[in-house]
C-alpha atoms as a PDB file:
ATOM      1  CA  MET A   1      17.932 -14.893  48.024  1.00  0.00           C
ATOM      2  CA  ALA A   2      14.353 -13.736  47.569  1.00  0.00           C
ATOM      3  CA  LYS A   3      11.683 -16.404  47.296  1.00  0.00           C
ATOM      4  CA  GLY A   4       9.957 -16.547  43.956  1.00  0.00           C
ATOM      5  CA  ARG A   5       6.264 -16.070  43.797  1.00  0.00           C
ATOM      6  CA  GLY A   6       4.147 -18.962  42.736  1.00  0.00           C
ATOM      7  CA  SER A   7       2.745 -18.933  39.232  1.00  0.00           C
ATOM      8  CA  PRO A   8      -0.116 -20.934  37.804  1.00  0.00           C
ATOM      9  CA  GLU A   9       1.950 -21.603  34.753  1.00  0.00           C
ATOM     10  CA  GLY A  10       4.862 -23.236  36.632  1.00  0.00           C
ATOM     11  CA  THR A  11       8.151 -22.306  38.265  1.00  0.00           C
ATOM     12  CA  GLY A  12      10.802 -20.515  36.190  1.00  0.00           C
ATOM     13  CA  LYS A  13      14.548 -20.982  36.498  1.00  0.00           C
ATOM     14  CA  ILE A  14      17.219 -18.280  36.536  1.00  0.00           C
ATOM     15  CA  LYS A  15      20.910 -18.948  35.966  1.00  0.00           C
ATOM     16  CA  PHE A  16      23.414 -16.311  37.077  1.00  0.00           C
ATOM     17  CA  ARG A  17      27.062 -16.566  36.187  1.00  0.00           C
ATOM     18  CA  PHE A  18      29.816 -14.427  37.664  1.00  0.00           C
ATOM     19  CA  VAL A  19      33.271 -14.157  36.171  1.00  0.00           C
ATOM     20  CA  GLU A  20      36.160 -12.950  38.324  1.00  0.00           C
ATOM     21  CA  PHE A  21      39.554 -11.941  36.989  1.00  0.00           C
ATOM     22  CA  GLU A  22      42.752 -11.379  38.926  1.00  0.00           C
ATOM     23  CA  MET A  23      45.564  -9.699  37.110  1.00  0.00           C
ATOM     24  CA  ALA A  24      48.860  -8.126  38.096  1.00  0.00           C
ATOM     25  CA  GLY A  25      51.051  -5.754  36.194  1.00  0.00           C
ATOM     26  CA  THR A  26      51.412  -2.185  35.144  1.00  0.00           C
ATOM     27  CA  ASP A  27      48.485   0.034  34.234  1.00  0.00           C
ATOM     28  CA  SER A  28      49.205  -0.267  30.538  1.00  0.00           C
ATOM     29  CA  SER A  29      49.461  -4.080  30.632  1.00  0.00           C
ATOM     30  CA  LEU A  30      46.259  -4.309  32.662  1.00  0.00           C
ATOM     31  CA  GLU A  31      44.422  -2.125  30.168  1.00  0.00           C
ATOM     32  CA  GLU A  32      45.621  -4.234  27.227  1.00  0.00           C
ATOM     33  CA  GLY A  33      44.551  -7.374  29.068  1.00  0.00           C
ATOM     34  CA  LEU A  34      41.086  -5.997  29.697  1.00  0.00           C
ATOM     35  CA  LYS A  35      40.759  -5.045  26.054  1.00  0.00           C
ATOM     36  CA  SER A  36      41.667  -8.608  25.017  1.00  0.00           C
ATOM     37  CA  ILE A  37      39.097 -10.046  27.410  1.00  0.00           C
ATOM     38  CA  ALA A  38      36.423  -7.640  26.188  1.00  0.00           C
ATOM     39  CA  ALA A  39      37.187  -8.574  22.580  1.00  0.00           C
ATOM     40  CA  ALA A  40      36.857 -12.281  23.409  1.00  0.00           C
ATOM     41  CA  LEU A  41      33.527 -11.669  25.156  1.00  0.00           C
ATOM     42  CA  ASN A  42      32.285  -9.685  22.215  1.00  0.00           C
ATOM     43  CA  ARG A  43      32.882 -12.642  19.935  1.00  0.00           C
ATOM     44  CA  SER A  44      31.350 -15.324  22.172  1.00  0.00           C
ATOM     45  CA  MET A  45      28.772 -13.425  24.232  1.00  0.00           C
ATOM     46  CA  ASN A  46      26.642 -10.325  24.179  1.00  0.00           C
ATOM     47  CA  PRO A  47      28.856  -7.458  22.887  1.00  0.00           C
ATOM     48  CA  THR A  48      27.414  -5.198  25.568  1.00  0.00           C
ATOM     49  CA  ILE A  49      28.909  -7.303  28.366  1.00  0.00           C
ATOM     50  CA  GLY A  50      32.456  -6.971  27.086  1.00  0.00           C
ATOM     51  CA  ALA A  51      32.068  -3.233  26.593  1.00  0.00           C
ATOM     52  CA  LYS A  52      30.638  -2.775  30.093  1.00  0.00           C
ATOM     53  CA  LEU A  53      33.438  -4.902  31.566  1.00  0.00           C
ATOM     54  CA  LEU A  54      36.049  -2.792  29.886  1.00  0.00           C
ATOM     55  CA  ARG A  55      34.398   0.465  30.948  1.00  0.00           C
ATOM     56  CA  HIS A  56      33.696  -0.644  34.549  1.00  0.00           C
ATOM     57  CA  ASN A  57      36.990  -2.381  35.364  1.00  0.00           C
ATOM     58  CA  GLY A  58      39.006   0.201  33.491  1.00  0.00           C
ATOM     59  CA  ASP A  59      37.555   3.004  35.626  1.00  0.00           C
ATOM     60  CA  GLU A  60      38.123   1.202  38.943  1.00  0.00           C
ATOM     61  CA  GLN A  61      41.352  -0.714  38.412  1.00  0.00           C
ATOM     62  CA  VAL A  62      43.221   1.020  35.633  1.00  0.00           C
ATOM     63  CA  GLY A  63      41.692   4.452  35.247  1.00  0.00           C
ATOM     64  CA  SER A  64      40.998   5.783  31.777  1.00  0.00           C
ATOM     65  CA  GLN A  65      43.742   7.903  30.374  1.00  0.00           C
ATOM     66  CA  GLU A  66      43.035  11.506  29.571  1.00  0.00           C
ATOM     67  CA  GLY A  67      41.687  12.029  26.091  1.00  0.00           C
ATOM     68  CA  GLU A  68      40.575   8.382  25.693  1.00  0.00           C
ATOM     69  CA  GLU A  69      36.911   7.382  25.671  1.00  0.00           C
ATOM     70  CA  VAL A  70      35.438   3.888  25.701  1.00  0.00           C
ATOM     71  CA  VAL A  71      32.140   3.619  23.854  1.00  0.00           C
ATOM     72  CA  ALA A  72      29.694   0.868  24.768  1.00  0.00           C
ATOM     73  CA  ALA A  73      28.175  -1.137  21.946  1.00  0.00           C
ATOM     74  CA  GLU A  74      24.662  -0.019  21.113  1.00  0.00           C
ATOM     75  CA  GLU A  75      21.917  -2.574  21.484  1.00  0.00           C
ATOM     76  CA  PRO A  76      19.519  -2.863  18.541  1.00  0.00           C
ATOM     77  CA  ASN A  77      16.115  -1.290  19.038  1.00  0.00           C
ATOM     78  CA  GLU A  78      13.424  -3.736  17.981  1.00  0.00           C
ATOM     79  CA  GLU A  79      10.875  -0.946  17.752  1.00  0.00           C
ATOM     80  CA  GLU A  80      12.801   0.890  15.042  1.00  0.00           C
ATOM     81  CA  GLU A  81      12.142  -0.294  11.506  1.00  0.00           C
ATOM     82  CA  PRO A  82      14.390   0.454   8.549  1.00  0.00           C
ATOM     83  CA  ALA A  83      13.149   3.420   6.587  1.00  0.00           C
ATOM     84  CA  THR A  84      11.338   2.316   3.482  1.00  0.00           C
ATOM     85  CA  PRO A  85      12.182   4.491   0.489  1.00  0.00           C
ATOM     86  CA  SER A  86       9.103   6.100  -0.912  1.00  0.00           C
ATOM     87  CA  SER A  87       8.085   4.629  -4.230  1.00  0.00           C
ATOM     88  CA  PRO A  88       8.379   7.042  -7.139  1.00  0.00           C
ATOM     89  CA  SER A  89       5.091   8.461  -8.296  1.00  0.00           C
ATOM     90  CA  LYS A  90       3.783   6.834 -11.416  1.00  0.00           C
ATOM     91  CA  PRO A  91       3.251   9.079 -14.382  1.00  0.00           C
ATOM     92  CA  ALA A  92      -0.351   9.608 -15.304  1.00  0.00           C
ATOM     93  CA  ALA A  93      -1.555   7.295 -18.021  1.00  0.00           C
ATOM     94  CA  PRO A  94      -2.121   9.101 -21.313  1.00  0.00           C
ATOM     95  CA  LYS A  95      -5.750   9.794 -22.074  1.00  0.00           C
ATOM     96  CA  LYS A  96      -7.174   7.446 -24.663  1.00  0.00           C
ATOM     97  CA  VAL A  97      -8.720   9.209 -27.655  1.00  0.00           C
ATOM     98  CA  ALA A  98     -11.382   7.398 -29.625  1.00  0.00           C
ATOM     99  CA  PRO A  99     -10.450   7.036 -33.303  1.00  0.00           C
ATOM    100  CA  ARG A 100     -12.442   9.248 -35.668  1.00  0.00           C
ATOM    101  CA  LYS A 101     -13.678   8.436 -39.161  1.00  0.00           C
ATOM    102  CA  ILE A 102     -14.364  10.217 -42.426  1.00  0.00           C
ATOM    103  CA  LEU A 103     -18.099  10.586 -43.129  1.00  0.00           C
ATOM    104  CA  ASP A 104     -18.788   9.757 -46.768  1.00  0.00           C
ATOM    105  CA  ASN A 105     -22.290  11.265 -46.664  1.00  0.00           C
ATOM    106  CA  PHE A 106     -21.077  14.631 -45.340  1.00  0.00           C
ATOM    107  CA  LYS A 107     -20.465  16.443 -48.630  1.00  0.00           C
ATOM    108  CA  LEU A 108     -18.662  19.727 -48.354  1.00  0.00           C
ATOM    109  CA  ASP A 109     -18.894  20.991 -51.923  1.00  0.00           C
ATOM    110  CA  ASP A 110     -22.499  20.262 -52.915  1.00  0.00           C
ATOM    111  CA  VAL A 111     -23.824  23.725 -51.961  1.00  0.00           C
ATOM    112  CA  GLU A 112     -22.822  27.318 -52.636  1.00  0.00           C
ATOM    113  CA  PRO A 113     -20.662  28.544 -51.107  1.00  0.00           C
ATOM    114  CA  THR A 114     -18.629  25.409 -50.507  1.00  0.00           C
ATOM    115  CA  LEU A 115     -17.055  25.016 -47.115  1.00  0.00           C
ATOM    116  CA  ARG A 116     -13.669  25.857 -48.618  1.00  0.00           C
ATOM    117  CA  ASP A 117     -14.919  29.118 -50.124  1.00  0.00           C
ATOM    118  CA  PHE A 118     -16.773  30.105 -46.971  1.00  0.00           C
ATOM    119  CA  ALA A 119     -13.753  29.354 -44.737  1.00  0.00           C
ATOM    120  CA  ALA A 120     -11.584  31.525 -47.013  1.00  0.00           C
ATOM    121  CA  THR A 121     -13.838  34.519 -46.359  1.00  0.00           C
ATOM    122  CA  LYS A 122     -13.459  34.052 -42.585  1.00  0.00           C
ATOM    123  CA  ASN A 123      -9.810  32.928 -42.342  1.00  0.00           C
ATOM    124  CA  PRO A 124     -10.134  31.163 -38.944  1.00  0.00           C
ATOM    125  CA  ASN A 125      -6.740  30.853 -37.239  1.00  0.00           C
ATOM    126  CA  SER A 126      -7.557  28.668 -34.221  1.00  0.00           C
ATOM    127  CA  ASP A 127      -9.426  25.436 -33.541  1.00  0.00           C
ATOM    128  CA  PHE A 128     -12.196  27.323 -31.750  1.00  0.00           C
ATOM    129  CA  LYS A 129     -12.762  29.616 -34.746  1.00  0.00           C
ATOM    130  CA  ARG A 130     -12.517  26.741 -37.222  1.00  0.00           C
ATOM    131  CA  TYR A 131     -15.122  24.737 -35.332  1.00  0.00           C
ATOM    132  CA  LEU A 132     -17.373  27.798 -35.270  1.00  0.00           C
ATOM    133  CA  VAL A 133     -16.944  28.353 -39.009  1.00  0.00           C
ATOM    134  CA  ILE A 134     -17.704  24.726 -39.829  1.00  0.00           C
ATOM    135  CA  ALA A 135     -20.757  24.669 -37.549  1.00  0.00           C
ATOM    136  CA  PHE A 136     -22.038  27.996 -38.938  1.00  0.00           C
ATOM    137  CA  TRP A 137     -21.627  26.825 -42.562  1.00  0.00           C
ATOM    138  CA  ALA A 138     -23.306  23.458 -41.864  1.00  0.00           C
ATOM    139  CA  LYS A 139     -26.250  25.109 -40.093  1.00  0.00           C
ATOM    140  CA  THR A 140     -26.724  27.931 -42.604  1.00  0.00           C
ATOM    141  CA  TYR A 141     -26.128  26.172 -45.926  1.00  0.00           C
ATOM    142  CA  LYS A 142     -26.594  22.449 -45.145  1.00  0.00           C
ATOM    143  CA  HIS A 143     -29.376  22.869 -42.565  1.00  0.00           C
ATOM    144  CA  MET A 144     -27.458  20.644 -40.158  1.00  0.00           C
ATOM    145  CA  GLU A 145     -27.663  22.105 -36.683  1.00  0.00           C
ATOM    146  CA  GLU A 146     -26.076  19.344 -34.551  1.00  0.00           C
ATOM    147  CA  LEU A 147     -22.662  18.026 -35.506  1.00  0.00           C
ATOM    148  CA  THR A 148     -20.620  15.113 -34.212  1.00  0.00           C
ATOM    149  CA  PRO A 149     -16.833  15.034 -33.740  1.00  0.00           C
ATOM    150  CA  ASP A 150     -16.655  13.028 -36.973  1.00  0.00           C
ATOM    151  CA  HIS A 151     -18.224  15.954 -38.896  1.00  0.00           C
ATOM    152  CA  PHE A 152     -15.460  18.279 -37.735  1.00  0.00           C
ATOM    153  CA  PHE A 153     -12.807  15.603 -38.342  1.00  0.00           C
ATOM    154  CA  THR A 154     -14.073  15.130 -41.923  1.00  0.00           C
ATOM    155  CA  ALA A 155     -14.119  18.884 -42.570  1.00  0.00           C
ATOM    156  CA  TYR A 156     -10.572  19.285 -41.218  1.00  0.00           C
ATOM    157  CA  ARG A 157      -9.257  16.531 -43.484  1.00  0.00           C
ATOM    158  CA  TRP A 158     -11.070  17.899 -46.525  1.00  0.00           C
ATOM    159  CA  LEU A 159      -9.677  21.385 -45.954  1.00  0.00           C
ATOM    160  CA  GLY A 160      -6.157  20.091 -45.228  1.00  0.00           C
ATOM    161  CA  TRP A 161      -6.054  21.440 -41.681  1.00  0.00           C
ATOM    162  CA  SER A 162      -4.121  19.691 -38.900  1.00  0.00           C
ATOM    163  CA  THR A 163      -6.650  17.896 -36.731  1.00  0.00           C
ATOM    164  CA  PRO A 164      -6.621  18.378 -32.935  1.00  0.00           C
ATOM    165  CA  LYS A 165      -5.260  15.513 -30.848  1.00  0.00           C
ATOM    166  CA  ASP A 166      -8.758  15.022 -29.477  1.00  0.00           C
ATOM    167  CA  PRO A 167     -11.442  16.292 -31.887  1.00  0.00           C
ATOM    168  CA  VAL A 168     -14.003  16.166 -29.059  1.00  0.00           C
ATOM    169  CA  GLN A 169     -12.157  18.609 -26.793  1.00  0.00           C
ATOM    170  CA  PRO A 170     -12.920  21.832 -28.761  1.00  0.00           C
ATOM    171  CA  ILE A 171     -16.618  20.913 -28.640  1.00  0.00           C
ATOM    172  CA  ARG A 172     -16.462  20.442 -24.881  1.00  0.00           C
ATOM    173  CA  ASP A 173     -14.710  23.794 -24.489  1.00  0.00           C
ATOM    174  CA  LEU A 174     -17.181  25.657 -26.696  1.00  0.00           C
ATOM    175  CA  VAL A 175     -20.115  24.112 -24.820  1.00  0.00           C
ATOM    176  CA  ASN A 176     -18.582  25.048 -21.467  1.00  0.00           C
ATOM    177  CA  PRO A 177     -20.430  28.077 -20.007  1.00  0.00           C
ATOM    178  CA  ARG A 178     -17.092  29.892 -19.622  1.00  0.00           C
ATOM    179  CA  ILE A 179     -16.996  30.123 -23.439  1.00  0.00           C
ATOM    180  CA  GLY A 180     -20.627  29.350 -24.247  1.00  0.00           C
ATOM    181  CA  LYS A 181     -20.547  29.523 -28.049  1.00  0.00           C
ATOM    182  CA  PHE A 182     -21.916  26.007 -28.562  1.00  0.00           C
ATOM    183  CA  SER A 183     -24.959  24.342 -27.058  1.00  0.00           C
ATOM    184  CA  ALA A 184     -24.793  20.706 -25.987  1.00  0.00           C
ATOM    185  CA  GLY A 185     -26.100  18.178 -28.477  1.00  0.00           C
ATOM    186  CA  SER A 186     -28.470  15.306 -27.883  1.00  0.00           C
ATOM    187  CA  VAL A 187     -25.501  12.957 -27.431  1.00  0.00           C
ATOM    188  CA  PRO A 188     -22.427  13.654 -25.232  1.00  0.00           C
ATOM    189  CA  GLY A 189     -19.628  14.931 -27.459  1.00  0.00           C
ATOM    190  CA  ASN A 190     -21.954  16.522 -30.018  1.00  0.00           C
ATOM    191  CA  GLY A 191     -22.447  20.258 -30.291  1.00  0.00           C
ATOM    192  CA  LYS A 192     -24.436  22.896 -32.122  1.00  0.00           C
ATOM    193  CA  ILE A 193     -23.594  26.520 -32.650  1.00  0.00           C
ATOM    194  CA  ASN A 194     -25.792  29.019 -30.789  1.00  0.00           C
ATOM    195  CA  HIS A 195     -26.507  32.666 -31.512  1.00  0.00           C
ATOM    196  CA  VAL A 196     -23.442  33.775 -29.527  1.00  0.00           C
ATOM    197  CA  GLY A 197     -21.176  31.634 -31.696  1.00  0.00           C
ATOM    198  CA  GLU A 198     -22.935  32.748 -34.866  1.00  0.00           C
ATOM    199  CA  GLN A 199     -22.208  36.376 -34.071  1.00  0.00           C
ATOM    200  CA  VAL A 200     -18.525  35.557 -33.644  1.00  0.00           C
ATOM    201  CA  VAL A 201     -18.445  34.076 -37.152  1.00  0.00           C
ATOM    202  CA  ILE A 202     -20.325  37.037 -38.612  1.00  0.00           C
ATOM    203  CA  ASP A 203     -17.759  39.406 -37.109  1.00  0.00           C
ATOM    204  CA  MET A 204     -14.766  37.467 -38.437  1.00  0.00           C
ATOM    205  CA  GLY A 205     -12.558  39.113 -41.006  1.00  0.00           C
ATOM    206  CA  GLY A 206     -11.876  37.740 -44.468  1.00  0.00           C
ATOM    207  CA  SER A 207      -8.757  36.310 -46.019  1.00  0.00           C
ATOM    208  CA  LYS A 208      -5.622  38.406 -45.799  1.00  0.00           C
ATOM    209  CA  LYS A 209      -3.764  38.900 -49.065  1.00  0.00           C
END
């Protein structure tokens, strides 16, 4: 027996137990006996011991029959963690749109032509063209160069057009250099038609009958 090395923390103790079995009988009875012992060890001790006993003693004393295989119990791996299912991606929150209001002081029929009559001569069929027509009419006949989203919202309601989900978005798009038919206003969200946008309105066709 090897001498243990001294340790500043104290002397440890090791207990070693050895179990010896002596059995007599035929190969088949010995194999059944070993299986019973291994099952008992699995219930009361480490399952690996019983499986090793069955595999070791069966090879030496009984001999495994052809076509039969004894599988040792697998020891759990503490390093492996159960796979955590990935959480489903959350849908993007819908963009909040500021409520718009009708402007009582933005009259649309106090000049000639009225906005309704002017829009009929241009027949705009998209939000971009409608915003251009409204801005052109306001600048030319009302002398209002810069318009807010509420101006366009009021004009849409007065003309009976379906308002965009976000009345600010067409202004942003028209101000964007990729389109470039509006110039940015003094306040974010406002816009004013420029000479490029004016030419688009001038070139628009009239009402189709």
